[in-house]
C-alpha atoms as a PDB file:
ATOM      1  CA  MET A   1       0.000   0.000   0.000  1.00  0.00           C
ATOM      2  CA  GLU A   2       1.248   3.482  -0.822  1.00  0.00           C
ATOM      3  CA  PRO A   3       1.552   6.045   1.998  1.00  0.00           C
ATOM      4  CA  LEU A   4      -1.553   8.101   2.707  1.00  0.00           C
ATOM      5  CA  THR A   5      -1.957  11.607   4.049  1.00  0.00           C
ATOM      6  CA  GLU A   6      -4.643  12.884   6.360  1.00  0.00           C
ATOM      7  CA  HIS A   7      -6.111  14.830   3.440  1.00  0.00           C
ATOM      8  CA  ASP A   8      -6.217  11.680   1.253  1.00  0.00           C
ATOM      9  CA  ILE A   9      -8.040   9.767   3.979  1.00  0.00           C
ATOM     10  CA  ARG A  10     -10.600  12.463   4.796  1.00  0.00           C
ATOM     11  CA  ALA A  11     -11.440  12.935   1.089  1.00  0.00           C
ATOM     12  CA  ALA A  12     -11.943   9.175   0.617  1.00  0.00           C
ATOM     13  CA  PHE A  13     -14.730   8.533   3.152  1.00  0.00           C
ATOM     14  CA  VAL A  14     -17.752   7.011   1.391  1.00  0.00           C
ATOM     15  CA  ASN A  15     -20.147   6.178   4.217  1.00  0.00           C
ATOM     16  CA  CYS A  16     -20.326   9.345   6.268  1.00  0.00           C
ATOM     17  CA  SER A  17     -20.973  13.033   5.728  1.00  0.00           C
ATOM     18  CA  ARG A  18     -18.178  15.470   4.950  1.00  0.00           C
ATOM     19  CA  GLY A  19     -18.583  16.912   8.433  1.00  0.00           C
ATOM     20  CA  GLU A  20     -18.215  13.473  10.004  1.00  0.00           C
ATOM     21  CA  ALA A  21     -15.158  12.832   7.825  1.00  0.00           C
ATOM     22  CA  GLN A  22     -13.592  16.101   8.985  1.00  0.00           C
ATOM     23  CA  ARG A  23     -14.272  15.265  12.662  1.00  0.00           C
ATOM     24  CA  ALA A  24     -13.027  11.671  12.390  1.00  0.00           C
ATOM     25  CA  PHE A  25      -9.879  10.836  14.301  1.00  0.00           C
ATOM     26  CA  VAL A  26      -6.973  10.213  11.918  1.00  0.00           C
ATOM     27  CA  PRO A  27      -3.686   8.816  13.270  1.00  0.00           C
ATOM     28  CA  ARG A  28      -0.852  11.328  13.578  1.00  0.00           C
ATOM     29  CA  ASP A  29       1.840   8.712  12.907  1.00  0.00           C
ATOM     30  CA  LEU A  30       1.073   8.154   9.221  1.00  0.00           C
ATOM     31  CA  ALA A  31       4.698   8.864   8.247  1.00  0.00           C
ATOM     32  CA  GLU A  32       5.922   6.036  10.511  1.00  0.00           C
ATOM     33  CA  ARG A  33       3.544   3.347   9.272  1.00  0.00           C
ATOM     34  CA  ARG A  34       4.910   0.186   7.609  1.00  0.00           C
ATOM     35  CA  TRP A  35       3.119   0.936   4.328  1.00  0.00           C
ATOM     36  CA  PRO A  36       4.674  -1.872   2.223  1.00  0.00           C
ATOM     37  CA  ASP A  37       3.372  -4.389   4.798  1.00  0.00           C
ATOM     38  CA  LEU A  38      -0.199  -3.042   4.827  1.00  0.00           C
ATOM     39  CA  ASP A  39      -3.118  -4.141   2.687  1.00  0.00           C
ATOM     40  CA  PHE A  40      -5.260  -1.518   4.389  1.00  0.00           C
ATOM     41  CA  LEU A  41      -4.826   1.159   7.013  1.00  0.00           C
ATOM     42  CA  GLY A  42      -7.044   0.381   9.970  1.00  0.00           C
ATOM     43  CA  TRP A  43      -7.254   2.323  13.205  1.00  0.00           C
ATOM     44  CA  ARG A  44      -9.371   2.813  16.306  1.00  0.00           C
ATOM     45  CA  ASP A  45     -10.521   6.138  17.705  1.00  0.00           C
ATOM     46  CA  PRO A  46      -8.943   6.480  21.176  1.00  0.00           C
ATOM     47  CA  GLY A  47     -11.619   9.010  22.164  1.00  0.00           C
ATOM     48  CA  ALA A  48     -14.571   6.855  21.072  1.00  0.00           C
ATOM     49  CA  LEU A  49     -13.905   3.204  21.802  1.00  0.00           C
ATOM     50  CA  ASP A  50     -16.836   2.070  19.657  1.00  0.00           C
ATOM     51  CA  ARG A  51     -15.379   3.606  16.471  1.00  0.00           C
ATOM     52  CA  ALA A  52     -12.860   2.309  13.986  1.00  0.00           C
ATOM     53  CA  TYR A  53     -11.831   3.340  10.487  1.00  0.00           C
ATOM     54  CA  LEU A  54     -10.369   1.608   7.478  1.00  0.00           C
ATOM     55  CA  ALA A  55      -8.776   3.011   4.303  1.00  0.00           C
ATOM     56  CA  THR A  56      -7.577   1.069   1.267  1.00  0.00           C
ATOM     57  CA  GLY A  57      -7.571   0.915  -2.486  1.00  0.00           C
ATOM     58  CA  HIS A  58     -10.827  -0.456  -3.885  1.00  0.00           C
ATOM     59  CA  ALA A  59     -12.253  -0.463  -7.413  1.00  0.00           C
ATOM     60  CA  GLY A  60      -9.375   1.711  -8.641  1.00  0.00           C
ATOM     61  CA  ALA A  61      -9.797   4.340  -5.936  1.00  0.00           C
ATOM     62  CA  LEU A  62      -8.924   5.100  -2.352  1.00  0.00           C
ATOM     63  CA  VAL A  63     -11.873   4.282  -0.100  1.00  0.00           C
ATOM     64  CA  ALA A  64     -12.177   5.074   3.597  1.00  0.00           C
ATOM     65  CA  VAL A  65     -15.008   3.801   5.767  1.00  0.00           C
ATOM     66  CA  SER A  66     -16.261   4.557   9.236  1.00  0.00           C
ATOM     67  CA  LEU A  67     -17.094   1.504  11.354  1.00  0.00           C
ATOM     68  CA  ARG A  68     -18.901   0.937  14.652  1.00  0.00           C
ATOM     69  CA  ILE A  69     -17.695  -1.740  17.019  1.00  0.00           C
ATOM     70  CA  ALA A  70     -20.428  -3.852  18.586  1.00  0.00           C
ATOM     71  CA  GLU A  71     -20.448  -4.028  22.369  1.00  0.00           C
ATOM     72  CA  GLN A  72     -19.091  -7.322  23.622  1.00  0.00           C
ATOM     73  CA  HIS A  73     -20.625  -8.979  26.678  1.00  0.00           C
ATOM     74  CA  GLY A  74     -19.355 -11.944  28.598  1.00  0.00           C
ATOM     75  CA  ARG A  75     -16.488 -12.868  26.316  1.00  0.00           C
ATOM     76  CA  GLY A  76     -13.968 -14.354  28.709  1.00  0.00           C
ATOM     77  CA  PHE A  77     -10.410 -15.365  27.999  1.00  0.00           C
ATOM     78  CA  ARG A  78     -11.532 -18.924  27.197  1.00  0.00           C
ATOM     79  CA  HIS A  79     -13.794 -17.696  24.386  1.00  0.00           C
ATOM     80  CA  ARG A  80     -12.008 -17.520  21.021  1.00  0.00           C
ATOM     81  CA  SER A  81     -13.117 -15.771  17.847  1.00  0.00           C
ATOM     82  CA  MET A  82     -11.672 -15.733  14.344  1.00  0.00           C
ATOM     83  CA  CYS A  83     -11.136 -12.695  12.134  1.00  0.00           C
ATOM     84  CA  SER A  84     -13.010 -12.979   8.838  1.00  0.00           C
ATOM     85  CA  LEU A  85     -10.157 -11.402   6.854  1.00  0.00           C
ATOM     86  CA  CYS A  86      -6.914 -12.890   8.117  1.00  0.00           C
ATOM     87  CA  LEU A  87      -8.276 -16.002   9.889  1.00  0.00           C
ATOM     88  CA  THR A  88      -6.359 -15.190  13.083  1.00  0.00           C
ATOM     89  CA  THR A  89      -7.989 -16.414  16.289  1.00  0.00           C
ATOM     90  CA  HIS A  90      -7.908 -14.290  19.406  1.00  0.00           C
ATOM     91  CA  PRO A  91      -9.158 -14.902  22.944  1.00  0.00           C
ATOM     92  CA  GLY A  92     -11.698 -12.668  24.660  1.00  0.00           C
ATOM     93  CA  SER A  93     -12.348  -9.418  22.830  1.00  0.00           C
ATOM     94  CA  GLY A  94      -9.505  -9.790  20.301  1.00  0.00           C
ATOM     95  CA  VAL A  95     -12.024 -10.023  17.442  1.00  0.00           C
ATOM     96  CA  SER A  96     -14.882  -7.547  17.099  1.00  0.00           C
ATOM     97  CA  LEU A  97     -17.978  -7.262  14.958  1.00  0.00           C
ATOM     98  CA  MET A  98     -17.484  -4.009  13.055  1.00  0.00           C
ATOM     99  CA  THR A  99     -20.353  -2.561  11.071  1.00  0.00           C
ATOM    100  CA  GLY A 100     -20.425   0.271   8.599  1.00  0.00           C
ATOM    101  CA  ARG A 101     -23.329   2.244   7.245  1.00  0.00           C
ATOM    102  CA  ARG A 102     -23.730   1.448   3.568  1.00  0.00           C
ATOM    103  CA  ALA A 103     -22.767   4.247   1.233  1.00  0.00           C
ATOM    104  CA  GLY A 104     -25.407   6.430  -0.420  1.00  0.00           C
ATOM    105  CA  LYS A 105     -29.162   6.135  -0.087  1.00  0.00           C
ATOM    106  CA  ALA A 106     -29.006   2.661   1.474  1.00  0.00           C
ATOM    107  CA  GLY A 107     -26.925   3.989   4.381  1.00  0.00           C
ATOM    108  CA  ARG A 108     -29.202   6.990   4.818  1.00  0.00           C
ATOM    109  CA  ASN A 109     -32.053   4.475   5.116  1.00  0.00           C
ATOM    110  CA  GLY A 110     -30.189   2.715   7.929  1.00  0.00           C
ATOM    111  CA  ASP A 111     -28.692  -0.240   6.029  1.00  0.00           C
ATOM    112  CA  SER A 112     -25.351  -1.469   7.306  1.00  0.00           C
ATOM    113  CA  VAL A 113     -22.872  -4.264   6.637  1.00  0.00           C
ATOM    114  CA  GLY A 114     -20.736  -6.025   9.215  1.00  0.00           C
ATOM    115  CA  VAL A 115     -17.628  -8.150   9.389  1.00  0.00           C
ATOM    116  CA  TYR A 116     -15.607  -9.763  12.187  1.00  0.00           C
ATOM    117  CA  LEU A 117     -12.148  -8.164  12.304  1.00  0.00           C
ATOM    118  CA  CYS A 118      -9.117  -8.278  14.570  1.00  0.00           C
ATOM    119  CA  SER A 119      -9.930  -5.649  17.193  1.00  0.00           C
ATOM    120  CA  ASP A 120      -6.540  -3.990  16.654  1.00  0.00           C
ATOM    121  CA  LEU A 121      -7.034  -4.040  12.830  1.00  0.00           C
ATOM    122  CA  GLY A 122      -3.578  -5.588  12.460  1.00  0.00           C
ATOM    123  CA  CYS A 123      -4.713  -8.234   9.958  1.00  0.00           C
ATOM    124  CA  SER A 124      -2.006  -7.387   7.391  1.00  0.00           C
ATOM    125  CA  LEU A 125       0.712  -7.829  10.008  1.00  0.00           C
ATOM    126  CA  TYR A 126      -0.701 -11.108  11.365  1.00  0.00           C
ATOM    127  CA  VAL A 127      -0.821 -12.644   7.884  1.00  0.00           C
ATOM    128  CA  ARG A 128       2.803 -11.685   7.270  1.00  0.00           C
ATOM    129  CA  GLY A 129       3.946 -12.959  10.681  1.00  0.00           C
ATOM    130  CA  LEU A 130       5.049  -9.436  11.675  1.00  0.00           C
ATOM    131  CA  ARG A 131       2.665  -9.359  14.644  1.00  0.00           C
ATOM    132  CA  LYS A 132       1.941 -12.355  16.822  1.00  0.00           C
ATOM    133  CA  PRO A 133      -1.518 -12.816  18.281  1.00  0.00           C
ATOM    134  CA  GLY A 134      -1.707 -13.078  22.068  1.00  0.00           C
ATOM    135  CA  ALA A 135      -2.853 -16.437  23.334  1.00  0.00           C
ATOM    136  CA  GLY A 136      -4.789 -16.882  20.097  1.00  0.00           C
ATOM    137  CA  GLY A 137      -3.087 -18.120  17.036  1.00  0.00           C
ATOM    138  CA  ARG A 138      -2.796 -18.499  13.339  1.00  0.00           C
ATOM    139  CA  LEU A 139      -3.856 -21.664  11.632  1.00  0.00           C
ATOM    140  CA  ASP A 140      -1.148 -23.817  10.133  1.00  0.00           C
ATOM    141  CA  GLU A 141      -1.792 -23.333   6.441  1.00  0.00           C
ATOM    142  CA  THR A 142      -0.395 -24.782   3.267  1.00  0.00           C
ATOM    143  CA  LEU A 143      -0.921 -21.440   1.503  1.00  0.00           C
ATOM    144  CA  THR A 144       2.091 -19.211   1.047  1.00  0.00           C
ATOM    145  CA  VAL A 145       2.118 -15.801   2.699  1.00  0.00           C
ATOM    146  CA  GLU A 146       1.462 -14.253  -0.721  1.00  0.00           C
ATOM    147  CA  GLN A 147      -1.600 -16.471  -1.185  1.00  0.00           C
ATOM    148  CA  GLN A 148      -2.837 -15.555   2.301  1.00  0.00           C
ATOM    149  CA  VAL A 149      -2.390 -11.860   1.465  1.00  0.00           C
ATOM    150  CA  ASP A 150      -4.377 -12.383  -1.745  1.00  0.00           C
ATOM    151  CA  ARG A 151      -7.138 -14.118   0.224  1.00  0.00           C
ATOM    152  CA  LEU A 152      -7.232 -11.252   2.744  1.00  0.00           C
ATOM    153  CA  ALA A 153      -7.453  -8.729  -0.113  1.00  0.00           C
ATOM    154  CA  GLY A 154     -10.297 -10.679  -1.726  1.00  0.00           C
ATOM    155  CA  LYS A 155     -12.276 -10.888   1.515  1.00  0.00           C
ATOM    156  CA  LEU A 156     -11.732  -7.175   2.170  1.00  0.00           C
ATOM    157  CA  SER A 157     -12.813  -6.322  -1.376  1.00  0.00           C
ATOM    158  CA  ALA A 158     -15.993  -8.411  -0.982  1.00  0.00           C
ATOM    159  CA  PHE A 159     -16.834  -6.569   2.266  1.00  0.00           C
ATOM    160  CA  LEU A 160     -16.248  -3.192   0.615  1.00  0.00           C
ATOM    161  CA  ASP A 161     -18.342  -4.222  -2.409  1.00  0.00           C
ATOM    162  CA  ARG A 162     -21.251  -4.855  -0.047  1.00  0.00           C
ATOM    163  CA  LEU A 163     -20.632  -1.648   1.903  1.00  0.00           C
ATOM    164  CA  VAL A 164     -20.043   0.694  -1.045  1.00  0.00           C
ATOM    165  CA  GLY A 165     -22.651  -0.870  -3.310  1.00  0.00           C
ATOM    166  CA  ASP A 166     -22.826   1.699  -6.144  1.00  0.00           C
ATOM    167  CA  PRO A 167     -19.296   2.035  -7.642  1.00  0.00           C
ATOM    168  CA  THR A 168     -20.098   5.591  -8.797  1.00  0.00           C
ATOM    169  CA  LEU A 169     -19.869   6.634  -5.119  1.00  0.00           C
ATOM    170  CA  VAL A 170     -16.141   5.861  -5.165  1.00  0.00           C
ATOM    171  CA  VAL A 171     -14.005   8.861  -6.020  1.00  0.00           C
ATOM    172  CA  PRO A 172     -10.786   8.160  -7.978  1.00  0.00           C
ATOM    173  CA  ALA A 173      -7.695   8.224  -5.800  1.00  0.00           C
ATOM    174  CA  PRO A 174      -5.674  11.446  -5.784  1.00  0.00           C
ATOM    175  CA  GLN A 175      -2.490  11.258  -7.803  1.00  0.00           C
ATOM    176  CA  HIS A 176       0.764  11.988  -5.978  1.00  0.00           C
ATOM    177  CA  GLY A 177       3.334  12.153  -8.710  1.00  0.00           C
ATOM    178  CA  SER A 178       3.819   8.550  -9.775  1.00  0.00           C
ATOM    179  CA  HIS A 179       2.155   7.040  -6.661  1.00  0.00           C
ATOM    180  CA  GLN A 180      -0.891   4.904  -7.160  1.00  0.00           C
ATOM    181  CA  HIS A 181      -2.999   3.434  -4.391  1.00  0.00           C
ATOM    182  CA  ASP A 182      -3.415  -0.338  -4.501  1.00  0.00           C
END
């Protein structure tokens, strides 16, 4: 993934108003991110623990989405859940149901789409073995890391297809010299 700026991210939101996009928390450490190791930029809002955000290339454009994290009750350390994207298992609240309002009219009518994701949104790093899950784990797979990355990208694309719906709502990614967003 190519490096993103705060401006790139705010301009790419597809499932919230411009005002909400301007008020959204955006990480200040974008320059220090491990961009080549990321398939998407995912982050939590430290001031609103039920909010998360995700930005990535989709349908030839940069897309950012606002997500809500479902409240988790009674999920003890012995309970394990699996992330839908990277297939990493985590104990307790290490995996969260994250839902996003659908883009356009459907979202304004209250339609949303959900997916189970690693609560820390570190899926790209887990797949590459650059971050180790706590007492959870990664399945022993016969797929190569590259194949696992491709699978993650396909699952993420399918989620975004459902969330974005109408491809005309996606704005082409800004061009930064020769940079293109994957």
